[in-house]
Amino acid sequence: MLSELKYEPSVKATDIGVVVKDGTVTLDGDVANYFEKWDAVRAAQRVAGVEAIADDIKVKLPDSLRRTDGDIATAAANQINWSQRIPSGAVNPKTAVALN
């Protein structure tokens, strides 16, 4: 399993912990982006005998890529206002409610 992670060029294998038991692989650790997380899981799927994968990998974005809720709300409002496909007044981002 570790050799498959090391073989995957988009994954920094030293940042990912691997536990294998009875065909189940548990992946954990911290990675820099979602693509690396996804590629690590795909690498595990390629290994013969793997029946299940528990993906506990966390994405730790660098501070330069983190966005506050206010940043996201402003970006969403700008996209809605600038879009030529969304009729003016069809969406009001001020009334949007988070579902989490």
C-alpha atoms as a PDB file:
ATOM      1  CA  MET A   1       0.000   0.000   0.000  1.00  0.00           C
ATOM      2  CA  LEU A   2       2.758   2.462   0.904  1.00  0.00           C
ATOM      3  CA  SER A   3       4.596   1.708  -2.320  1.00  0.00           C
ATOM      4  CA  GLU A   4       1.473   2.667  -4.305  1.00  0.00           C
ATOM      5  CA  LEU A   5       1.279   6.003  -2.469  1.00  0.00           C
ATOM      6  CA  LYS A   6       4.992   6.610  -3.103  1.00  0.00           C
ATOM      7  CA  TYR A   7       4.459   5.766  -6.779  1.00  0.00           C
ATOM      8  CA  GLU A   8       1.722   8.435  -7.088  1.00  0.00           C
ATOM      9  CA  PRO A   9       3.609  11.662  -7.992  1.00  0.00           C
ATOM     10  CA  SER A  10       0.838  14.014  -6.799  1.00  0.00           C
ATOM     11  CA  VAL A  11       0.870  12.574  -3.267  1.00  0.00           C
ATOM     12  CA  LYS A  12       3.440  13.331  -0.579  1.00  0.00           C
ATOM     13  CA  ALA A  13       3.370   9.854   0.965  1.00  0.00           C
ATOM     14  CA  THR A  14       5.273  10.944   4.084  1.00  0.00           C
ATOM     15  CA  ASP A  15       2.257  13.067   5.103  1.00  0.00           C
ATOM     16  CA  ILE A  16      -0.205  10.168   4.975  1.00  0.00           C
ATOM     17  CA  GLY A  17      -0.558   7.400   7.523  1.00  0.00           C
ATOM     18  CA  VAL A  18      -1.772   3.997   6.377  1.00  0.00           C
ATOM     19  CA  VAL A  19      -3.270   1.173   8.416  1.00  0.00           C
ATOM     20  CA  VAL A  20      -4.357  -2.034   6.686  1.00  0.00           C
ATOM     21  CA  LYS A  21      -6.474  -4.688   8.363  1.00  0.00           C
ATOM     22  CA  ASP A  22      -8.499  -7.463   6.744  1.00  0.00           C
ATOM     23  CA  GLY A  23      -8.760  -5.687   3.386  1.00  0.00           C
ATOM     24  CA  THR A  24      -9.711  -2.348   4.922  1.00  0.00           C
ATOM     25  CA  VAL A  25      -7.322   0.567   4.452  1.00  0.00           C
ATOM     26  CA  THR A  26      -7.446   3.583   6.752  1.00  0.00           C
ATOM     27  CA  LEU A  27      -5.763   6.710   5.433  1.00  0.00           C
ATOM     28  CA  ASP A  28      -5.063   9.666   7.708  1.00  0.00           C
ATOM     29  CA  GLY A  29      -2.827  12.696   7.880  1.00  0.00           C
ATOM     30  CA  ASP A  30      -2.801  16.220   6.513  1.00  0.00           C
ATOM     31  CA  VAL A  31      -2.448  17.224   2.864  1.00  0.00           C
ATOM     32  CA  ALA A  32      -2.195  20.613   1.162  1.00  0.00           C
ATOM     33  CA  ASN A  33      -5.158  20.314  -1.222  1.00  0.00           C
ATOM     34  CA  TYR A  34      -8.202  18.262  -2.195  1.00  0.00           C
ATOM     35  CA  PHE A  35      -6.514  16.863  -5.309  1.00  0.00           C
ATOM     36  CA  GLU A  36      -3.814  15.232  -3.189  1.00  0.00           C
ATOM     37  CA  LYS A  37      -6.477  13.745  -0.894  1.00  0.00           C
ATOM     38  CA  TRP A  38      -8.422  12.409  -3.873  1.00  0.00           C
ATOM     39  CA  ASP A  39      -5.280  10.980  -5.520  1.00  0.00           C
ATOM     40  CA  ALA A  40      -4.273   9.216  -2.288  1.00  0.00           C
ATOM     41  CA  VAL A  41      -7.663   7.500  -2.101  1.00  0.00           C
ATOM     42  CA  ARG A  42      -7.441   6.552  -5.795  1.00  0.00           C
ATOM     43  CA  ALA A  43      -3.993   5.070  -5.172  1.00  0.00           C
ATOM     44  CA  ALA A  44      -5.440   2.935  -2.372  1.00  0.00           C
ATOM     45  CA  GLN A  45      -8.227   1.762  -4.688  1.00  0.00           C
ATOM     46  CA  ARG A  46      -5.621   0.463  -7.163  1.00  0.00           C
ATOM     47  CA  VAL A  47      -4.108  -1.951  -4.643  1.00  0.00           C
ATOM     48  CA  ALA A  48      -5.171  -5.567  -5.057  1.00  0.00           C
ATOM     49  CA  GLY A  49      -7.106  -6.955  -2.104  1.00  0.00           C
ATOM     50  CA  VAL A  50      -8.412  -3.617  -0.850  1.00  0.00           C
ATOM     51  CA  GLU A  51     -12.095  -4.069  -0.049  1.00  0.00           C
ATOM     52  CA  ALA A  52     -12.846  -0.816   1.815  1.00  0.00           C
ATOM     53  CA  ILE A  53     -11.191   2.533   2.421  1.00  0.00           C
ATOM     54  CA  ALA A  54     -11.659   4.790   5.437  1.00  0.00           C
ATOM     55  CA  ASP A  55     -10.571   8.252   4.328  1.00  0.00           C
ATOM     56  CA  ASP A  56      -9.585  10.289   7.378  1.00  0.00           C
ATOM     57  CA  ILE A  57      -7.221  12.589   5.476  1.00  0.00           C
ATOM     58  CA  LYS A  58      -7.646  16.271   6.341  1.00  0.00           C
ATOM     59  CA  VAL A  59      -6.957  19.103   3.931  1.00  0.00           C
ATOM     60  CA  LYS A  60      -4.984  21.905   5.571  1.00  0.00           C
ATOM     61  CA  LEU A  61      -5.089  24.836   3.189  1.00  0.00           C
ATOM     62  CA  PRO A  62      -2.266  27.358   3.406  1.00  0.00           C
ATOM     63  CA  ASP A  63      -3.259  30.667   4.975  1.00  0.00           C
ATOM     64  CA  SER A  64      -2.958  32.373   1.588  1.00  0.00           C
ATOM     65  CA  LEU A  65      -5.815  30.208   0.240  1.00  0.00           C
ATOM     66  CA  ARG A  66      -8.160  30.401   3.225  1.00  0.00           C
ATOM     67  CA  ARG A  67     -11.291  32.486   2.804  1.00  0.00           C
ATOM     68  CA  THR A  68     -13.625  33.807   5.462  1.00  0.00           C
ATOM     69  CA  ASP A  69     -17.406  33.506   5.192  1.00  0.00           C
ATOM     70  CA  GLY A  70     -17.428  37.199   4.290  1.00  0.00           C
ATOM     71  CA  ASP A  71     -14.955  36.614   1.449  1.00  0.00           C
ATOM     72  CA  ILE A  72     -17.106  33.791   0.108  1.00  0.00           C
ATOM     73  CA  ALA A  73     -20.322  35.842   0.392  1.00  0.00           C
ATOM     74  CA  THR A  74     -18.716  38.762  -1.465  1.00  0.00           C
ATOM     75  CA  ALA A  75     -17.424  36.463  -4.212  1.00  0.00           C
ATOM     76  CA  ALA A  76     -20.858  34.843  -4.589  1.00  0.00           C
ATOM     77  CA  ALA A  77     -22.626  38.215  -4.792  1.00  0.00           C
ATOM     78  CA  ASN A  78     -20.118  39.433  -7.381  1.00  0.00           C
ATOM     79  CA  GLN A  79     -20.553  36.326  -9.524  1.00  0.00           C
ATOM     80  CA  ILE A  80     -24.337  36.671  -9.421  1.00  0.00           C
ATOM     81  CA  ASN A  81     -24.181  40.372 -10.275  1.00  0.00           C
ATOM     82  CA  TRP A  82     -21.661  39.893 -13.088  1.00  0.00           C
ATOM     83  CA  SER A  83     -23.401  36.879 -14.650  1.00  0.00           C
ATOM     84  CA  GLN A  84     -25.223  37.474 -17.894  1.00  0.00           C
ATOM     85  CA  ARG A  85     -27.081  34.158 -17.529  1.00  0.00           C
ATOM     86  CA  ILE A  86     -28.778  35.005 -14.235  1.00  0.00           C
ATOM     87  CA  PRO A  87     -31.579  37.557 -14.636  1.00  0.00           C
ATOM     88  CA  SER A  88     -31.183  40.644 -12.475  1.00  0.00           C
ATOM     89  CA  GLY A  89     -33.002  40.190  -9.164  1.00  0.00           C
ATOM     90  CA  ALA A  90     -33.509  36.408  -9.638  1.00  0.00           C
ATOM     91  CA  VAL A  91     -31.170  35.541  -6.752  1.00  0.00           C
ATOM     92  CA  ASN A  92     -30.733  37.482  -3.547  1.00  0.00           C
ATOM     93  CA  PRO A  93     -27.516  36.347  -1.819  1.00  0.00           C
ATOM     94  CA  LYS A  94     -28.478  38.264   1.343  1.00  0.00           C
ATOM     95  CA  THR A  95     -31.258  35.787   2.055  1.00  0.00           C
ATOM     96  CA  ALA A  96     -29.242  32.627   1.435  1.00  0.00           C
ATOM     97  CA  VAL A  97     -29.117  30.287   4.426  1.00  0.00           C
ATOM     98  CA  ALA A  98     -26.298  27.865   5.231  1.00  0.00           C
ATOM     99  CA  LEU A  99     -27.472  24.253   5.479  1.00  0.00           C
ATOM    100  CA  ASN A 100     -24.795  22.920   7.804  1.00  0.00           C
END
